[in-house]
Amino acid sequence: MNRLVLWALLLINIGGTIYGYVWYGSQLSETPPHFLPFVPDSPTASLFFVIVLIGFLLRTNIPYIEALALLTLFKYGVWAVVMNILTLQVTGYLPWQGYLLIVSHLAMAIQGILYSPFLQVKLRHIIVASIWTLHNDVIDYVFAQYPRYSQLHMYVQEIGYFTFWLSIFSIGLTYFLTVHRYSLVKND
């Protein structure tokens, strides 16, 4: 891996992570403390990837974090793109920040996929990442801690249903890009 590219990605992802936590600021200030780790979805996904990139720069792998990074980068990358497009469809308007969120979250999903061949993820790592991700869905949609898109509030049940199935697809994709890929390589 090109270390200059890794450093550039690290700096970009640190910036995106900070921006993401700032974006959630008002919601976090009203969130009960026991839900805090589960509210800022996308910045936490990019934080996982920041840790993975630091591991790459140190020439080490951190498989549990790698599984969390791949699964959540894809899931929340796709989720945010869909929510912003849905906002545009419902309201007929999307501010420039919404378009920035579409581009940055699409990049999140893509970078997770692009870096998946370098991950050392096994099934046990995916199981832990899956538990975290599905638990996060429960926190979001059973305890109403989901990201606030006020224009979409009337669709929260449908969004929760979509989010659950996006999680299942993301778990399958994570397995396919890591564990399944390794089994194909071993059998060649």
C-alpha atoms as a PDB file:
ATOM      1  CA  MET A   1       0.000   0.000   0.000  1.00  0.00           C
ATOM      2  CA  ASN A   2       1.206   3.459  -0.868  1.00  0.00           C
ATOM      3  CA  ARG A   3       2.001   5.240   2.395  1.00  0.00           C
ATOM      4  CA  LEU A   4       1.371   8.687   0.904  1.00  0.00           C
ATOM      5  CA  VAL A   5      -2.150   7.608  -0.078  1.00  0.00           C
ATOM      6  CA  LEU A   6      -2.675   6.124   3.393  1.00  0.00           C
ATOM      7  CA  TRP A   7      -1.596   9.397   5.023  1.00  0.00           C
ATOM      8  CA  ALA A   8      -3.885  11.405   2.740  1.00  0.00           C
ATOM      9  CA  LEU A   9      -6.815   9.089   3.485  1.00  0.00           C
ATOM     10  CA  LEU A  10      -6.041   9.271   7.187  1.00  0.00           C
ATOM     11  CA  LEU A  11      -6.133  13.082   7.201  1.00  0.00           C
ATOM     12  CA  ILE A  12      -9.309  13.198   5.089  1.00  0.00           C
ATOM     13  CA  ASN A  13     -11.037  10.653   7.327  1.00  0.00           C
ATOM     14  CA  ILE A  14      -9.956  12.434  10.512  1.00  0.00           C
ATOM     15  CA  GLY A  15     -11.480  15.633   9.103  1.00  0.00           C
ATOM     16  CA  GLY A  16     -14.665  13.818   8.103  1.00  0.00           C
ATOM     17  CA  THR A  17     -14.905  12.135  11.487  1.00  0.00           C
ATOM     18  CA  ILE A  18     -14.588  15.445  13.320  1.00  0.00           C
ATOM     19  CA  TYR A  19     -17.148  17.086  11.008  1.00  0.00           C
ATOM     20  CA  GLY A  20     -19.498  14.157  11.595  1.00  0.00           C
ATOM     21  CA  TYR A  21     -19.338  14.430  15.365  1.00  0.00           C
ATOM     22  CA  VAL A  22     -19.933  18.193  15.082  1.00  0.00           C
ATOM     23  CA  TRP A  23     -22.937  17.505  12.784  1.00  0.00           C
ATOM     24  CA  TYR A  24     -24.423  15.311  15.538  1.00  0.00           C
ATOM     25  CA  GLY A  25     -23.625  17.900  18.232  1.00  0.00           C
ATOM     26  CA  SER A  26     -27.141  19.073  19.045  1.00  0.00           C
ATOM     27  CA  GLN A  27     -28.518  15.521  19.066  1.00  0.00           C
ATOM     28  CA  LEU A  28     -25.645  14.295  21.250  1.00  0.00           C
ATOM     29  CA  SER A  29     -26.284  17.085  23.763  1.00  0.00           C
ATOM     30  CA  GLU A  30     -29.808  15.680  24.275  1.00  0.00           C
ATOM     31  CA  THR A  31     -28.861  11.988  24.180  1.00  0.00           C
ATOM     32  CA  PRO A  32     -28.907   9.920  27.391  1.00  0.00           C
ATOM     33  CA  PRO A  33     -25.313   8.932  28.231  1.00  0.00           C
ATOM     34  CA  HIS A  34     -25.882   5.181  27.808  1.00  0.00           C
ATOM     35  CA  PHE A  35     -26.893   5.747  24.152  1.00  0.00           C
ATOM     36  CA  LEU A  36     -23.986   8.058  23.242  1.00  0.00           C
ATOM     37  CA  PRO A  37     -21.788   5.397  21.550  1.00  0.00           C
ATOM     38  CA  PHE A  38     -24.663   4.438  19.234  1.00  0.00           C
ATOM     39  CA  VAL A  39     -25.933   7.813  18.024  1.00  0.00           C
ATOM     40  CA  PRO A  40     -23.198   9.246  15.756  1.00  0.00           C
ATOM     41  CA  ASP A  41     -23.294   6.435  13.189  1.00  0.00           C
ATOM     42  CA  SER A  42     -21.240   7.721  10.248  1.00  0.00           C
ATOM     43  CA  PRO A  43     -18.506   9.462  12.245  1.00  0.00           C
ATOM     44  CA  THR A  44     -18.051   6.334  14.328  1.00  0.00           C
ATOM     45  CA  ALA A  45     -17.769   4.287  11.124  1.00  0.00           C
ATOM     46  CA  SER A  46     -15.110   6.656   9.809  1.00  0.00           C
ATOM     47  CA  LEU A  47     -13.384   6.575  13.222  1.00  0.00           C
ATOM     48  CA  PHE A  48     -13.136   2.794  12.868  1.00  0.00           C
ATOM     49  CA  PHE A  49     -11.532   3.339   9.451  1.00  0.00           C
ATOM     50  CA  VAL A  50      -9.132   5.930  10.908  1.00  0.00           C
ATOM     51  CA  ILE A  51      -7.964   3.247  13.356  1.00  0.00           C
ATOM     52  CA  VAL A  52      -7.605   0.749  10.477  1.00  0.00           C
ATOM     53  CA  LEU A  53      -5.522   3.268   8.500  1.00  0.00           C
ATOM     54  CA  ILE A  54      -3.288   3.885  11.519  1.00  0.00           C
ATOM     55  CA  GLY A  55      -2.873   0.116  11.763  1.00  0.00           C
ATOM     56  CA  PHE A  56      -1.899  -0.052   8.086  1.00  0.00           C
ATOM     57  CA  LEU A  57       0.649   2.731   8.606  1.00  0.00           C
ATOM     58  CA  LEU A  58       2.064   0.775  11.557  1.00  0.00           C
ATOM     59  CA  ARG A  59       2.021  -2.389   9.398  1.00  0.00           C
ATOM     60  CA  THR A  60      -0.446  -4.190  11.624  1.00  0.00           C
ATOM     61  CA  ASN A  61      -4.002  -5.399  11.364  1.00  0.00           C
ATOM     62  CA  ILE A  62      -6.770  -4.965  13.935  1.00  0.00           C
ATOM     63  CA  PRO A  63      -9.376  -7.466  12.694  1.00  0.00           C
ATOM     64  CA  TYR A  64     -12.293  -6.582  14.994  1.00  0.00           C
ATOM     65  CA  ILE A  65     -11.976  -2.894  14.097  1.00  0.00           C
ATOM     66  CA  GLU A  66     -11.465  -3.819  10.430  1.00  0.00           C
ATOM     67  CA  ALA A  67     -14.748  -5.760  10.423  1.00  0.00           C
ATOM     68  CA  LEU A  68     -16.538  -2.867  12.124  1.00  0.00           C
ATOM     69  CA  ALA A  69     -15.015  -0.416   9.653  1.00  0.00           C
ATOM     70  CA  LEU A  70     -15.956  -2.313   6.498  1.00  0.00           C
ATOM     71  CA  LEU A  71     -19.468  -3.170   7.655  1.00  0.00           C
ATOM     72  CA  THR A  72     -20.324   0.292   8.983  1.00  0.00           C
ATOM     73  CA  LEU A  73     -18.585   2.302   6.249  1.00  0.00           C
ATOM     74  CA  PHE A  74     -20.692   0.548   3.647  1.00  0.00           C
ATOM     75  CA  LYS A  75     -23.921   0.571   5.649  1.00  0.00           C
ATOM     76  CA  TYR A  76     -23.849   4.191   6.785  1.00  0.00           C
ATOM     77  CA  GLY A  77     -22.334   5.374   3.530  1.00  0.00           C
ATOM     78  CA  VAL A  78     -25.264   3.924   1.596  1.00  0.00           C
ATOM     79  CA  TRP A  79     -27.786   4.904   4.294  1.00  0.00           C
ATOM     80  CA  ALA A  80     -26.832   8.593   4.241  1.00  0.00           C
ATOM     81  CA  VAL A  81     -26.880   8.724   0.432  1.00  0.00           C
ATOM     82  CA  VAL A  82     -30.385   7.225   0.403  1.00  0.00           C
ATOM     83  CA  MET A  83     -31.653   9.548   3.175  1.00  0.00           C
ATOM     84  CA  ASN A  84     -30.378  12.656   1.408  1.00  0.00           C
ATOM     85  CA  ILE A  85     -31.872  11.579  -1.915  1.00  0.00           C
ATOM     86  CA  LEU A  86     -35.134  10.805  -0.101  1.00  0.00           C
ATOM     87  CA  THR A  87     -35.036  14.268   1.507  1.00  0.00           C
ATOM     88  CA  LEU A  88     -34.644  15.806  -1.951  1.00  0.00           C
ATOM     89  CA  GLN A  89     -37.528  13.706  -3.262  1.00  0.00           C
ATOM     90  CA  VAL A  90     -39.844  14.561  -0.332  1.00  0.00           C
ATOM     91  CA  THR A  91     -39.053  18.284  -0.087  1.00  0.00           C
ATOM     92  CA  GLY A  92     -37.916  19.110  -3.610  1.00  0.00           C
ATOM     93  CA  TYR A  93     -34.835  20.783  -2.129  1.00  0.00           C
ATOM     94  CA  LEU A  94     -31.486  19.738  -0.727  1.00  0.00           C
ATOM     95  CA  PRO A  95     -29.031  22.306   0.657  1.00  0.00           C
ATOM     96  CA  TRP A  96     -25.428  22.202  -0.505  1.00  0.00           C
ATOM     97  CA  GLN A  97     -24.487  20.367   2.697  1.00  0.00           C
ATOM     98  CA  GLY A  98     -26.804  17.537   1.637  1.00  0.00           C
ATOM     99  CA  TYR A  99     -24.933  17.154  -1.642  1.00  0.00           C
ATOM    100  CA  LEU A 100     -21.650  17.193   0.285  1.00  0.00           C
ATOM    101  CA  LEU A 101     -23.034  14.434   2.520  1.00  0.00           C
ATOM    102  CA  ILE A 102     -24.006  12.384  -0.552  1.00  0.00           C
ATOM    103  CA  VAL A 103     -20.499  12.620  -2.033  1.00  0.00           C
ATOM    104  CA  SER A 104     -18.658  12.035   1.256  1.00  0.00           C
ATOM    105  CA  HIS A 105     -20.840   9.099   2.290  1.00  0.00           C
ATOM    106  CA  LEU A 106     -20.613   7.487  -1.127  1.00  0.00           C
ATOM    107  CA  ALA A 107     -16.835   7.794  -0.739  1.00  0.00           C
ATOM    108  CA  MET A 108     -17.114   6.088   2.677  1.00  0.00           C
ATOM    109  CA  ALA A 109     -18.863   3.085   1.157  1.00  0.00           C
ATOM    110  CA  ILE A 110     -16.422   2.893  -1.755  1.00  0.00           C
ATOM    111  CA  GLN A 111     -13.261   3.161   0.359  1.00  0.00           C
ATOM    112  CA  GLY A 112     -14.469   0.341   2.587  1.00  0.00           C
ATOM    113  CA  ILE A 113     -14.895  -1.900  -0.444  1.00  0.00           C
ATOM    114  CA  LEU A 114     -11.602  -0.805  -2.034  1.00  0.00           C
ATOM    115  CA  TYR A 115      -9.592  -1.561   1.107  1.00  0.00           C
ATOM    116  CA  SER A 116     -11.353  -4.849   1.897  1.00  0.00           C
ATOM    117  CA  PRO A 117      -8.629  -6.990   0.237  1.00  0.00           C
ATOM    118  CA  PHE A 118      -6.149  -5.720   2.850  1.00  0.00           C
ATOM    119  CA  LEU A 119      -8.301  -6.647   5.838  1.00  0.00           C
ATOM    120  CA  GLN A 120      -7.584  -9.730   7.956  1.00  0.00           C
ATOM    121  CA  VAL A 121     -11.200 -10.396   8.917  1.00  0.00           C
ATOM    122  CA  LYS A 122     -12.475 -13.799   9.997  1.00  0.00           C
ATOM    123  CA  LEU A 123     -16.001 -14.961  10.762  1.00  0.00           C
ATOM    124  CA  ARG A 124     -15.689 -14.248  14.506  1.00  0.00           C
ATOM    125  CA  HIS A 125     -14.820 -10.613  13.726  1.00  0.00           C
ATOM    126  CA  ILE A 126     -17.876 -10.295  11.485  1.00  0.00           C
ATOM    127  CA  ILE A 127     -20.084 -11.804  14.197  1.00  0.00           C
ATOM    128  CA  VAL A 128     -18.956  -9.158  16.705  1.00  0.00           C
ATOM    129  CA  ALA A 129     -19.344  -6.359  14.129  1.00  0.00           C
ATOM    130  CA  SER A 130     -22.794  -7.697  13.232  1.00  0.00           C
ATOM    131  CA  ILE A 131     -23.911  -7.689  16.862  1.00  0.00           C
ATOM    132  CA  TRP A 132     -22.718  -4.089  17.233  1.00  0.00           C
ATOM    133  CA  THR A 133     -24.473  -3.027  14.027  1.00  0.00           C
ATOM    134  CA  LEU A 134     -27.789  -4.758  14.705  1.00  0.00           C
ATOM    135  CA  HIS A 135     -27.732  -3.558  18.324  1.00  0.00           C
ATOM    136  CA  ASN A 136     -27.221  -0.054  16.949  1.00  0.00           C
ATOM    137  CA  ASP A 137     -30.346  -0.502  14.790  1.00  0.00           C
ATOM    138  CA  VAL A 138     -32.317  -1.462  17.901  1.00  0.00           C
ATOM    139  CA  ILE A 139     -31.024   1.601  19.760  1.00  0.00           C
ATOM    140  CA  ASP A 140     -31.898   3.805  16.775  1.00  0.00           C
ATOM    141  CA  TYR A 141     -35.379   2.538  15.978  1.00  0.00           C
ATOM    142  CA  VAL A 142     -36.683   0.972  19.215  1.00  0.00           C
ATOM    143  CA  PHE A 143     -35.322   3.682  21.517  1.00  0.00           C
ATOM    144  CA  ALA A 144     -35.720   6.512  18.946  1.00  0.00           C
ATOM    145  CA  GLN A 145     -32.051   7.488  18.796  1.00  0.00           C
ATOM    146  CA  TYR A 146     -31.893   7.499  14.967  1.00  0.00           C
ATOM    147  CA  PRO A 147     -30.210  10.382  13.105  1.00  0.00           C
ATOM    148  CA  ARG A 148     -32.535  13.346  12.829  1.00  0.00           C
ATOM    149  CA  TYR A 149     -33.811  14.115   9.380  1.00  0.00           C
ATOM    150  CA  SER A 150     -36.804  16.241  10.373  1.00  0.00           C
ATOM    151  CA  GLN A 151     -38.264  16.227   6.845  1.00  0.00           C
ATOM    152  CA  LEU A 152     -38.410  12.414   6.942  1.00  0.00           C
ATOM    153  CA  HIS A 153     -39.892  11.920  10.419  1.00  0.00           C
ATOM    154  CA  MET A 154     -43.185  10.624   9.004  1.00  0.00           C
ATOM    155  CA  TYR A 155     -41.291   7.757   7.338  1.00  0.00           C
ATOM    156  CA  VAL A 156     -39.370   6.586  10.416  1.00  0.00           C
ATOM    157  CA  GLN A 157     -40.920   3.099  10.435  1.00  0.00           C
ATOM    158  CA  GLU A 158     -40.104   2.542   6.771  1.00  0.00           C
ATOM    159  CA  ILE A 159     -36.604   3.932   7.301  1.00  0.00           C
ATOM    160  CA  GLY A 160     -36.108   1.592  10.268  1.00  0.00           C
ATOM    161  CA  TYR A 161     -37.199  -1.371   8.146  1.00  0.00           C
ATOM    162  CA  PHE A 162     -34.892  -0.305   5.302  1.00  0.00           C
ATOM    163  CA  THR A 163     -32.042   0.173   7.787  1.00  0.00           C
ATOM    164  CA  PHE A 164     -32.438  -3.330   9.202  1.00  0.00           C
ATOM    165  CA  TRP A 165     -32.243  -4.917   5.742  1.00  0.00           C
ATOM    166  CA  LEU A 166     -29.348  -2.648   4.777  1.00  0.00           C
ATOM    167  CA  SER A 167     -27.562  -3.994   7.876  1.00  0.00           C
ATOM    168  CA  ILE A 168     -28.233  -7.580   6.793  1.00  0.00           C
ATOM    169  CA  PHE A 169     -26.966  -6.845   3.273  1.00  0.00           C
ATOM    170  CA  SER A 170     -23.886  -5.075   4.694  1.00  0.00           C
ATOM    171  CA  ILE A 171     -23.118  -8.074   6.914  1.00  0.00           C
ATOM    172  CA  GLY A 172     -23.373 -10.363   3.883  1.00  0.00           C
ATOM    173  CA  LEU A 173     -21.180  -8.059   1.816  1.00  0.00           C
ATOM    174  CA  THR A 174     -18.577  -7.927   4.587  1.00  0.00           C
ATOM    175  CA  TYR A 175     -18.529 -11.729   4.694  1.00  0.00           C
ATOM    176  CA  PHE A 176     -18.319 -11.970   0.898  1.00  0.00           C
ATOM    177  CA  LEU A 177     -15.476  -9.435   0.629  1.00  0.00           C
ATOM    178  CA  THR A 178     -13.400 -11.004   3.399  1.00  0.00           C
ATOM    179  CA  VAL A 179     -14.064 -14.540   4.657  1.00  0.00           C
ATOM    180  CA  HIS A 180     -15.637 -15.842   1.440  1.00  0.00           C
ATOM    181  CA  ARG A 181     -12.929 -14.215  -0.696  1.00  0.00           C
ATOM    182  CA  TYR A 182     -10.245 -15.908   1.413  1.00  0.00           C
ATOM    183  CA  SER A 183     -11.925 -19.284   0.940  1.00  0.00           C
ATOM    184  CA  LEU A 184     -11.976 -18.744  -2.837  1.00  0.00           C
ATOM    185  CA  VAL A 185      -8.285 -17.821  -2.850  1.00  0.00           C
ATOM    186  CA  LYS A 186      -7.397 -20.894  -0.756  1.00  0.00           C
ATOM    187  CA  ASN A 187      -9.286 -23.188  -3.141  1.00  0.00           C
ATOM    188  CA  ASP A 188      -7.516 -21.883  -6.271  1.00  0.00           C
END
